[in-house]
PDB file of N, CA and C in Angstrom:
ATOM      1  N   MET A   1      93.447  52.607 134.181  1.00  0.00           N
ATOM      2  CA  MET A   1      92.087  53.039 133.958  1.00  0.00           C
ATOM      3  C   MET A   1      92.055  53.958 132.743  1.00  0.00           C
ATOM      4  N   ILE A   2      91.040  53.786 131.915  1.00  0.00           N
ATOM      5  CA  ILE A   2      90.882  54.607 130.723  1.00  0.00           C
ATOM      6  C   ILE A   2      89.930  55.748 131.049  1.00  0.00           C
ATOM      7  N   SER A   3      90.376  56.960 130.770  1.00  0.00           N
ATOM      8  CA  SER A   3      89.550  58.143 131.021  1.00  0.00           C
ATOM      9  C   SER A   3      88.826  58.547 129.739  1.00  0.00           C
ATOM     10  N   PRO A   4      87.554  58.922 129.842  1.00  0.00           N
ATOM     11  CA  PRO A   4      86.838  59.387 128.650  1.00  0.00           C
ATOM     12  C   PRO A   4      87.453  60.689 128.134  1.00  0.00           C
ATOM     13  N   PHE A   5      87.399  60.858 126.836  1.00  0.00           N
ATOM     14  CA  PHE A   5      87.939  62.075 126.238  1.00  0.00           C
ATOM     15  C   PHE A   5      87.111  62.427 125.017  1.00  0.00           C
ATOM     16  N   GLN A   6      87.258  63.640 124.561  1.00  0.00           N
ATOM     17  CA  GLN A   6      86.576  64.100 123.355  1.00  0.00           C
ATOM     18  C   GLN A   6      87.627  64.611 122.382  1.00  0.00           C
ATOM     19  N   ILE A   7      87.386  64.341 121.129  1.00  0.00           N
ATOM     20  CA  ILE A   7      88.279  64.828 120.075  1.00  0.00           C
ATOM     21  C   ILE A   7      87.650  66.096 119.506  1.00  0.00           C
ATOM     22  N   PRO A   8      88.402  67.185 119.439  1.00  0.00           N
ATOM     23  CA  PRO A   8      87.830  68.438 118.934  1.00  0.00           C
ATOM     24  C   PRO A   8      87.708  68.411 117.403  1.00  0.00           C
ATOM     25  N   TRP A   9      86.585  67.857 116.889  1.00  0.00           N
ATOM     26  CA  TRP A   9      86.361  67.786 115.446  1.00  0.00           C
ATOM     27  C   TRP A   9      86.081  69.166 114.892  1.00  0.00           C
ATOM     28  N   ASP A  10      86.643  69.449 113.753  1.00  0.00           N
ATOM     29  CA  ASP A  10      86.361  70.694 113.044  1.00  0.00           C
ATOM     30  C   ASP A  10      85.149  70.448 112.145  1.00  0.00           C
ATOM     31  N   PRO A  11      83.987  71.040 112.445  1.00  0.00           N
ATOM     32  CA  PRO A  11      82.790  70.782 111.639  1.00  0.00           C
ATOM     33  C   PRO A  11      82.979  71.094 110.152  1.00  0.00           C
ATOM     34  N   GLY A  12      83.721  72.152 109.860  1.00  0.00           N
ATOM     35  CA  GLY A  12      83.966  72.505 108.461  1.00  0.00           C
ATOM     36  C   GLY A  12      84.812  71.453 107.753  1.00  0.00           C
ATOM     37  N   GLY A  13      85.802  70.923 108.460  1.00  0.00           N
ATOM     38  CA  GLY A  13      86.647  69.881 107.889  1.00  0.00           C
ATOM     39  C   GLY A  13      85.883  68.592 107.654  1.00  0.00           C
ATOM     40  N   LEU A  14      84.994  68.251 108.595  1.00  0.00           N
ATOM     41  CA  LEU A  14      84.173  67.055 108.425  1.00  0.00           C
ATOM     42  C   LEU A  14      83.199  67.220 107.259  1.00  0.00           C
ATOM     43  N   ALA A  15      82.613  68.397 107.124  1.00  0.00           N
ATOM     44  CA  ALA A  15      81.687  68.651 106.015  1.00  0.00           C
ATOM     45  C   ALA A  15      82.426  68.542 104.682  1.00  0.00           C
ATOM     46  N   ASP A  16      83.640  69.077 104.628  1.00  0.00           N
ATOM     47  CA  ASP A  16      84.444  69.008 103.406  1.00  0.00           C
ATOM     48  C   ASP A  16      84.798  67.561 103.066  1.00  0.00           C
ATOM     49  N   LEU A  17      85.188  66.791 104.072  1.00  0.00           N
ATOM     50  CA  LEU A  17      85.528  65.393 103.841  1.00  0.00           C
ATOM     51  C   LEU A  17      84.316  64.607 103.361  1.00  0.00           C
ATOM     52  N   LYS A  18      83.160  64.835 103.976  1.00  0.00           N
ATOM     53  CA  LYS A  18      81.942  64.150 103.556  1.00  0.00           C
ATOM     54  C   LYS A  18      81.607  64.500 102.112  1.00  0.00           C
ATOM     55  N   HIS A  19      81.753  65.767 101.748  1.00  0.00           N
ATOM     56  CA  HIS A  19      81.506  66.200 100.369  1.00  0.00           C
ATOM     57  C   HIS A  19      82.474  65.516  99.401  1.00  0.00           C
ATOM     58  N   ARG A  20      83.750  65.475  99.758  1.00  0.00           N
ATOM     59  CA  ARG A  20      84.751  64.850  98.882  1.00  0.00           C
ATOM     60  C   ARG A  20      84.489  63.360  98.706  1.00  0.00           C
ATOM     61  N   LEU A  21      84.104  62.684  99.785  1.00  0.00           N
ATOM     62  CA  LEU A  21      83.807  61.253  99.676  1.00  0.00           C
ATOM     63  C   LEU A  21      82.598  61.024  98.769  1.00  0.00           C
ATOM     64  N   GLY A  22      81.589  61.884  98.901  1.00  0.00           N
ATOM     65  CA  GLY A  22      80.397  61.757  98.068  1.00  0.00           C
ATOM     66  C   GLY A  22      80.641  62.090  96.610  1.00  0.00           C
ATOM     67  N   ALA A  23      81.643  62.925  96.344  1.00  0.00           N
ATOM     68  CA  ALA A  23      81.944  63.346  94.975  1.00  0.00           C
ATOM     69  C   ALA A  23      82.978  62.455  94.293  1.00  0.00           C
ATOM     70  N   THR A  24      83.382  61.384  94.952  1.00  0.00           N
ATOM     71  CA  THR A  24      84.385  60.491  94.374  1.00  0.00           C
ATOM     72  C   THR A  24      83.868  59.888  93.078  1.00  0.00           C
ATOM     73  N   ARG A  25      84.694  59.951  92.043  1.00  0.00           N
ATOM     74  CA  ARG A  25      84.354  59.324  90.764  1.00  0.00           C
ATOM     75  C   ARG A  25      85.070  57.988  90.687  1.00  0.00           C
ATOM     76  N   TRP A  26      84.333  56.953  90.332  1.00  0.00           N
ATOM     77  CA  TRP A  26      84.880  55.606  90.285  1.00  0.00           C
ATOM     78  C   TRP A  26      85.134  55.213  88.834  1.00  0.00           C
ATOM     79  N   SER A  27      86.328  54.746  88.560  1.00  0.00           N
ATOM     80  CA  SER A  27      86.643  54.285  87.209  1.00  0.00           C
ATOM     81  C   SER A  27      86.142  52.859  87.025  1.00  0.00           C
ATOM     82  N   ASP A  28      86.035  52.457  85.773  1.00  0.00           N
ATOM     83  CA  ASP A  28      85.683  51.072  85.486  1.00  0.00           C
ATOM     84  C   ASP A  28      86.871  50.187  85.835  1.00  0.00           C
ATOM     85  N   ALA A  29      86.597  48.930  86.146  1.00  0.00           N
ATOM     86  CA  ALA A  29      87.664  47.986  86.486  1.00  0.00           C
ATOM     87  C   ALA A  29      88.580  47.791  85.274  1.00  0.00           C
ATOM     88  N   VAL A  30      89.893  47.861  85.511  1.00  0.00           N
ATOM     89  CA  VAL A  30      90.868  47.691  84.442  1.00  0.00           C
ATOM     90  C   VAL A  30      91.252  46.215  84.334  1.00  0.00           C
ATOM     91  N   VAL A  31      91.551  45.623  85.442  1.00  0.00           N
ATOM     92  CA  VAL A  31      91.908  44.208  85.502  1.00  0.00           C
ATOM     93  C   VAL A  31      91.189  43.581  86.695  1.00  0.00           C
ATOM     94  N   SER A  32      91.155  42.270  86.740  1.00  0.00           N
ATOM     95  CA  SER A  32      90.431  41.597  87.820  1.00  0.00           C
ATOM     96  C   SER A  32      91.316  41.206  88.998  1.00  0.00           C
ATOM     97  N   ASP A  33      92.612  41.503  88.928  1.00  0.00           N
ATOM     98  CA  ASP A  33      93.483  41.183  90.055  1.00  0.00           C
ATOM     99  C   ASP A  33      93.871  42.472  90.776  1.00  0.00           C
ATOM    100  N   LEU A  34      94.760  42.386  91.720  1.00  0.00           N
ATOM    101  CA  LEU A  34      95.146  43.556  92.517  1.00  0.00           C
ATOM    102  C   LEU A  34      96.361  44.300  91.965  1.00  0.00           C
ATOM    103  N   SER A  35      96.742  44.049  90.711  1.00  0.00           N
ATOM    104  CA  SER A  35      97.929  44.701  90.153  1.00  0.00           C
ATOM    105  C   SER A  35      97.752  46.216  90.007  1.00  0.00           C
ATOM    106  N   TYR A  36      96.500  46.687  89.960  1.00  0.00           N
ATOM    107  CA  TYR A  36      96.243  48.124  89.870  1.00  0.00           C
ATOM    108  C   TYR A  36      95.694  48.701  91.167  1.00  0.00           C
ATOM    109  N   GLY A  37      95.789  47.962  92.249  1.00  0.00           N
ATOM    110  CA  GLY A  37      95.325  48.460  93.536  1.00  0.00           C
ATOM    111  C   GLY A  37      94.102  47.732  94.039  1.00  0.00           C
ATOM    112  N   VAL A  38      93.420  48.350  94.960  1.00  0.00           N
ATOM    113  CA  VAL A  38      92.256  47.753  95.615  1.00  0.00           C
ATOM    114  C   VAL A  38      91.083  47.692  94.638  1.00  0.00           C
ATOM    115  N   GLU A  39      90.301  46.623  94.703  1.00  0.00           N
ATOM    116  CA  GLU A  39      89.143  46.490  93.826  1.00  0.00           C
ATOM    117  C   GLU A  39      88.128  47.599  94.093  1.00  0.00           C
ATOM    118  N   ARG A  40      87.403  47.974  93.048  1.00  0.00           N
ATOM    119  CA  ARG A  40      86.434  49.071  93.133  1.00  0.00           C
ATOM    120  C   ARG A  40      85.374  48.820  94.203  1.00  0.00           C
ATOM    121  N   GLY A  41      84.868  47.618  94.293  1.00  0.00           N
ATOM    122  CA  GLY A  41      83.831  47.302  95.284  1.00  0.00           C
ATOM    123  C   GLY A  41      84.311  47.492  96.707  1.00  0.00           C
ATOM    124  N   VAL A  42      85.562  47.132  96.972  1.00  0.00           N
ATOM    125  CA  VAL A  42      86.132  47.287  98.310  1.00  0.00           C
ATOM    126  C   VAL A  42      86.263  48.772  98.654  1.00  0.00           C
ATOM    127  N   SER A  43      86.776  49.542  97.703  1.00  0.00           N
ATOM    128  CA  SER A  43      86.927  50.983  97.939  1.00  0.00           C
ATOM    129  C   SER A  43      85.575  51.653  98.146  1.00  0.00           C
ATOM    130  N   GLY A  44      84.603  51.309  97.320  1.00  0.00           N
ATOM    131  CA  GLY A  44      83.273  51.888  97.443  1.00  0.00           C
ATOM    132  C   GLY A  44      82.632  51.563  98.777  1.00  0.00           C
ATOM    133  N   PHE A  45      82.807  50.334  99.237  1.00  0.00           N
ATOM    134  CA  PHE A  45      82.270  49.923 100.526  1.00  0.00           C
ATOM    135  C   PHE A  45      82.897  50.742 101.654  1.00  0.00           C
ATOM    136  N   ARG A  46      84.210  50.893 101.610  1.00  0.00           N
ATOM    137  CA  ARG A  46      84.899  51.661 102.660  1.00  0.00           C
ATOM    138  C   ARG A  46      84.456  53.113 102.667  1.00  0.00           C
ATOM    139  N   VAL A  47      84.344  53.717 101.488  1.00  0.00           N
ATOM    140  CA  VAL A  47      83.916  55.116 101.411  1.00  0.00           C
ATOM    141  C   VAL A  47      82.502  55.274 101.952  1.00  0.00           C
ATOM    142  N   SER A  48      81.607  54.337 101.640  1.00  0.00           N
ATOM    143  CA  SER A  48      80.240  54.450 102.163  1.00  0.00           C
ATOM    144  C   SER A  48      80.220  54.310 103.678  1.00  0.00           C
ATOM    145  N   ARG A  49      81.063  53.445 104.225  1.00  0.00           N
ATOM    146  CA  ARG A  49      81.142  53.296 105.685  1.00  0.00           C
ATOM    147  C   ARG A  49      81.700  54.560 106.331  1.00  0.00           C
ATOM    148  N   TRP A  50      82.753  55.142 105.727  1.00  0.00           N
ATOM    149  CA  TRP A  50      83.328  56.379 106.273  1.00  0.00           C
ATOM    150  C   TRP A  50      82.302  57.494 106.223  1.00  0.00           C
ATOM    151  N   SER A  51      81.576  57.582 105.136  1.00  0.00           N
ATOM    152  CA  SER A  51      80.570  58.627 104.994  1.00  0.00           C
ATOM    153  C   SER A  51      79.474  58.467 106.053  1.00  0.00           C
ATOM    154  N   ALA A  52      79.062  57.231 106.295  1.00  0.00           N
ATOM    155  CA  ALA A  52      78.050  56.978 107.327  1.00  0.00           C
ATOM    156  C   ALA A  52      78.587  57.341 108.708  1.00  0.00           C
ATOM    157  N   ALA A  53      79.859  57.047 108.967  1.00  0.00           N
ATOM    158  CA  ALA A  53      80.461  57.387 110.260  1.00  0.00           C
ATOM    159  C   ALA A  53      80.535  58.901 110.434  1.00  0.00           C
ATOM    160  N   LEU A  54      80.869  59.625 109.367  1.00  0.00           N
ATOM    161  CA  LEU A  54      80.902  61.088 109.445  1.00  0.00           C
ATOM    162  C   LEU A  54      79.512  61.636 109.712  1.00  0.00           C
ATOM    163  N   CYS A  55      78.516  61.028 109.093  1.00  0.00           N
ATOM    164  CA  CYS A  55      77.130  61.427 109.307  1.00  0.00           C
ATOM    165  C   CYS A  55      76.764  61.294 110.776  1.00  0.00           C
ATOM    166  N   MET A  56      77.148  60.174 111.374  1.00  0.00           N
ATOM    167  CA  MET A  56      76.821  59.934 112.775  1.00  0.00           C
ATOM    168  C   MET A  56      77.571  60.890 113.682  1.00  0.00           C
ATOM    169  N   MET A  57      78.831  61.199 113.362  1.00  0.00           N
ATOM    170  CA  MET A  57      79.613  62.119 114.188  1.00  0.00           C
ATOM    171  C   MET A  57      79.024  63.513 114.162  1.00  0.00           C
ATOM    172  N   ARG A  58      78.502  63.926 112.991  1.00  0.00           N
ATOM    173  CA  ARG A  58      77.955  65.269 112.864  1.00  0.00           C
ATOM    174  C   ARG A  58      76.483  65.311 113.226  1.00  0.00           C
ATOM    175  N   ASP A  59      75.851  64.150 113.386  1.00  0.00           N
ATOM    176  CA  ASP A  59      74.436  64.053 113.734  1.00  0.00           C
ATOM    177  C   ASP A  59      73.557  64.755 112.703  1.00  0.00           C
ATOM    178  N   ASP A  60      73.894  64.548 111.411  1.00  0.00           N
ATOM    179  CA  ASP A  60      73.099  65.157 110.350  1.00  0.00           C
ATOM    180  C   ASP A  60      72.788  64.142 109.253  1.00  0.00           C
ATOM    181  N   CYS A  61      72.491  62.933 109.655  1.00  0.00           N
ATOM    182  CA  CYS A  61      72.292  61.856 108.688  1.00  0.00           C
ATOM    183  C   CYS A  61      71.192  62.149 107.676  1.00  0.00           C
ATOM    184  N   GLY A  62      70.195  62.910 108.054  1.00  0.00           N
ATOM    185  CA  GLY A  62      69.109  63.206 107.128  1.00  0.00           C
ATOM    186  C   GLY A  62      69.270  64.558 106.451  1.00  0.00           C
ATOM    187  N   ALA A  63      70.151  65.401 106.944  1.00  0.00           N
ATOM    188  CA  ALA A  63      70.310  66.757 106.399  1.00  0.00           C
ATOM    189  C   ALA A  63      71.153  66.747 105.144  1.00  0.00           C
ATOM    190  N   LYS A  64      70.868  67.635 104.243  1.00  0.00           N
ATOM    191  CA  LYS A  64      71.671  67.796 103.023  1.00  0.00           C
ATOM    192  C   LYS A  64      72.218  69.194 102.973  1.00  0.00           C
TER     193      LYS A  64
END
């Protein structure tokens, strides 16, 4: 049986992470293959999803 649990999130740490994700600077694409890492669009999509998840965890989606 799985028991419910809560993770003790640090609000200050979550706010800092959300700020860092929002302040990410994206470089222009260097090459079109994966020789330089993950494509910019993939990274941007993941960061936007993480930021939205942090918003939901903190329940401040509309607050700035």
